[in-house]
Amino acid sequence: MSGTWINLIFDITICLSLLIGAFFLISGSIGILRFPDVYTRLHAATKSSTLGVSGIMIGAFLFHYVEHDIVSGKLLLGIAFVLLTAPVSGHMISRAAYRAGVPLWENSVKDEYADVLKEEQKRQARDS
């Protein structure tokens, strides 16, 4: 009797993980289409892909563990890789876009990176 309840709980957990992952991927796709500038689009793409792909991979990991008694190291490494690299790559792409002169949306509240960039340029000019 308890085996069937445990299997039901695992099945619900797997389904929820897959649905949450799919929800984040779909909402990120909508955000990419709807947001006005490259920075907000990149934010939507980075956050949603990190959470969406991780949710789907966690669901796949749990499925393989429950159904086949396999602890997939590849899936665990994939989850860790996505969680570590997607935010860093999004940050680097947005910094490169800012340094290339891609303008912010006119309704952006604050440009905090402008002061940091000016200080860095002053320091580089002073040092050279």
Protein backbone atom coordinates (compact mmCIF):
# COMPACT_ATOMS: atom_id res chain seq x y z
CA MET A 1 0.00 0.00 0.00
CA SER A 2 2.72 2.49 0.89
CA GLY A 3 4.58 1.77 -2.36
CA THR A 4 1.67 3.01 -4.42
CA TRP A 5 1.39 6.22 -2.38
CA ILE A 6 5.11 6.87 -2.72
CA ASN A 7 4.92 6.26 -6.47
CA LEU A 8 1.98 8.63 -6.71
CA ILE A 9 3.88 11.32 -4.82
CA PHE A 10 6.93 10.86 -7.06
CA ASP A 11 4.75 10.98 -10.19
CA ILE A 12 3.10 14.20 -9.03
CA THR A 13 6.52 15.69 -8.19
CA ILE A 14 7.88 14.74 -11.61
CA CYS A 15 4.84 16.20 -13.38
CA LEU A 16 5.02 19.42 -11.37
CA SER A 17 8.71 19.80 -12.10
CA LEU A 18 8.13 19.34 -15.83
CA LEU A 19 5.16 21.71 -15.83
CA ILE A 20 7.05 24.38 -13.89
CA GLY A 21 9.96 24.09 -16.31
CA ALA A 22 7.63 24.37 -19.30
CA PHE A 23 5.87 27.37 -17.72
CA PHE A 24 9.15 29.24 -17.27
CA LEU A 25 10.25 28.50 -20.83
CA ILE A 26 6.94 29.68 -22.28
CA SER A 27 6.88 32.82 -20.12
CA GLY A 28 10.46 33.59 -21.13
CA SER A 29 9.52 33.24 -24.79
CA ILE A 30 6.66 35.68 -24.29
CA GLY A 31 9.02 38.04 -22.45
CA ILE A 32 11.49 37.98 -25.32
CA LEU A 33 8.73 39.00 -27.71
CA ARG A 34 7.10 41.62 -25.48
CA PHE A 35 9.92 43.46 -23.69
CA PRO A 36 11.17 46.69 -25.29
CA ASP A 37 14.98 46.60 -25.20
CA VAL A 38 17.85 44.16 -25.34
CA TYR A 39 18.52 44.25 -21.60
CA THR A 40 15.02 43.33 -20.46
CA ARG A 41 14.77 40.71 -23.20
CA LEU A 42 18.06 39.23 -22.12
CA HIS A 43 16.87 39.21 -18.52
CA ALA A 44 13.73 37.31 -19.50
CA ALA A 45 15.69 34.84 -21.61
CA THR A 46 18.34 34.18 -18.97
CA LYS A 47 16.05 33.77 -15.97
CA SER A 48 13.47 31.69 -17.76
CA SER A 49 15.95 29.41 -19.49
CA THR A 50 17.81 28.79 -16.24
CA LEU A 51 14.67 27.91 -14.30
CA GLY A 52 12.89 26.19 -17.19
CA VAL A 53 15.70 23.92 -18.31
CA SER A 54 16.62 23.15 -14.70
CA GLY A 55 13.02 22.22 -13.91
CA ILE A 56 12.78 19.90 -16.88
CA MET A 57 16.14 18.31 -16.11
CA ILE A 58 15.15 17.80 -12.47
CA GLY A 59 11.96 16.13 -13.68
CA ALA A 60 13.97 13.89 -16.00
CA PHE A 61 16.40 13.05 -13.20
CA LEU A 62 13.56 12.09 -10.85
CA PHE A 63 11.88 10.05 -13.58
CA HIS A 64 15.04 8.03 -14.27
CA TYR A 65 15.60 7.56 -10.56
CA VAL A 66 12.05 6.41 -9.81
CA GLU A 67 11.31 4.34 -12.90
CA HIS A 68 14.72 2.82 -13.69
CA ASP A 69 16.68 3.18 -10.43
CA ILE A 70 19.34 5.18 -12.27
CA VAL A 71 21.14 8.10 -10.68
CA SER A 72 22.15 10.04 -13.77
CA GLY A 73 25.36 11.93 -13.22
CA LYS A 74 25.00 13.51 -16.64
CA LEU A 75 21.70 15.10 -15.67
CA LEU A 76 23.12 16.34 -12.37
CA LEU A 77 26.11 17.85 -14.20
CA GLY A 78 23.76 19.36 -16.77
CA ILE A 79 21.68 20.98 -14.05
CA ALA A 80 24.79 22.37 -12.37
CA PHE A 81 26.16 23.58 -15.72
CA VAL A 82 22.95 25.41 -16.62
CA LEU A 83 22.62 26.96 -13.16
CA LEU A 84 26.20 28.25 -13.30
CA THR A 85 26.68 29.29 -16.91
CA ALA A 86 23.36 30.82 -18.01
CA PRO A 87 23.38 33.75 -15.53
CA VAL A 88 27.06 34.44 -16.16
CA SER A 89 26.65 34.40 -19.94
CA GLY A 90 23.60 36.67 -19.73
CA HIS A 91 25.55 39.11 -17.59
CA MET A 92 28.51 39.12 -19.97
CA ILE A 93 26.30 39.61 -23.03
CA SER A 94 24.50 42.55 -21.38
CA ARG A 95 27.83 44.14 -20.40
CA ALA A 96 29.09 43.76 -23.96
CA ALA A 97 25.89 45.31 -25.31
CA TYR A 98 26.19 48.24 -22.89
CA ARG A 99 29.83 48.84 -23.77
CA ALA A 100 28.96 48.65 -27.48
CA GLY A 101 26.52 51.52 -26.94
CA VAL A 102 23.17 49.76 -27.15
CA PRO A 103 20.78 52.26 -25.56
CA LEU A 104 18.55 51.52 -22.60
CA TRP A 105 14.80 51.77 -22.93
CA GLU A 106 13.75 55.40 -22.42
CA ASN A 107 11.54 54.43 -19.45
CA SER A 108 14.33 52.62 -17.62
CA VAL A 109 14.42 53.88 -14.06
CA LYS A 110 18.14 54.10 -13.38
CA ASP A 111 21.42 53.52 -15.17
CA GLU A 112 23.76 52.43 -12.39
CA TYR A 113 26.42 51.05 -14.69
CA ALA A 114 27.13 54.45 -16.31
CA ASP A 115 28.86 55.79 -13.19
CA VAL A 116 30.94 52.64 -12.82
CA LEU A 117 31.97 52.76 -16.47
CA LYS A 118 32.95 56.46 -16.21
CA GLU A 119 35.11 55.75 -13.16
CA GLU A 120 36.75 52.84 -14.93
CA GLN A 121 37.50 54.96 -18.00
CA LYS A 122 38.98 57.73 -15.81
CA ARG A 123 41.18 55.20 -14.02
CA GLN A 124 42.38 53.71 -17.31
CA ALA A 125 43.14 57.16 -18.73
CA ARG A 126 45.04 58.10 -15.58
CA ASP A 127 47.06 54.86 -15.58
CA SER A 128 48.11 55.09 -19.23
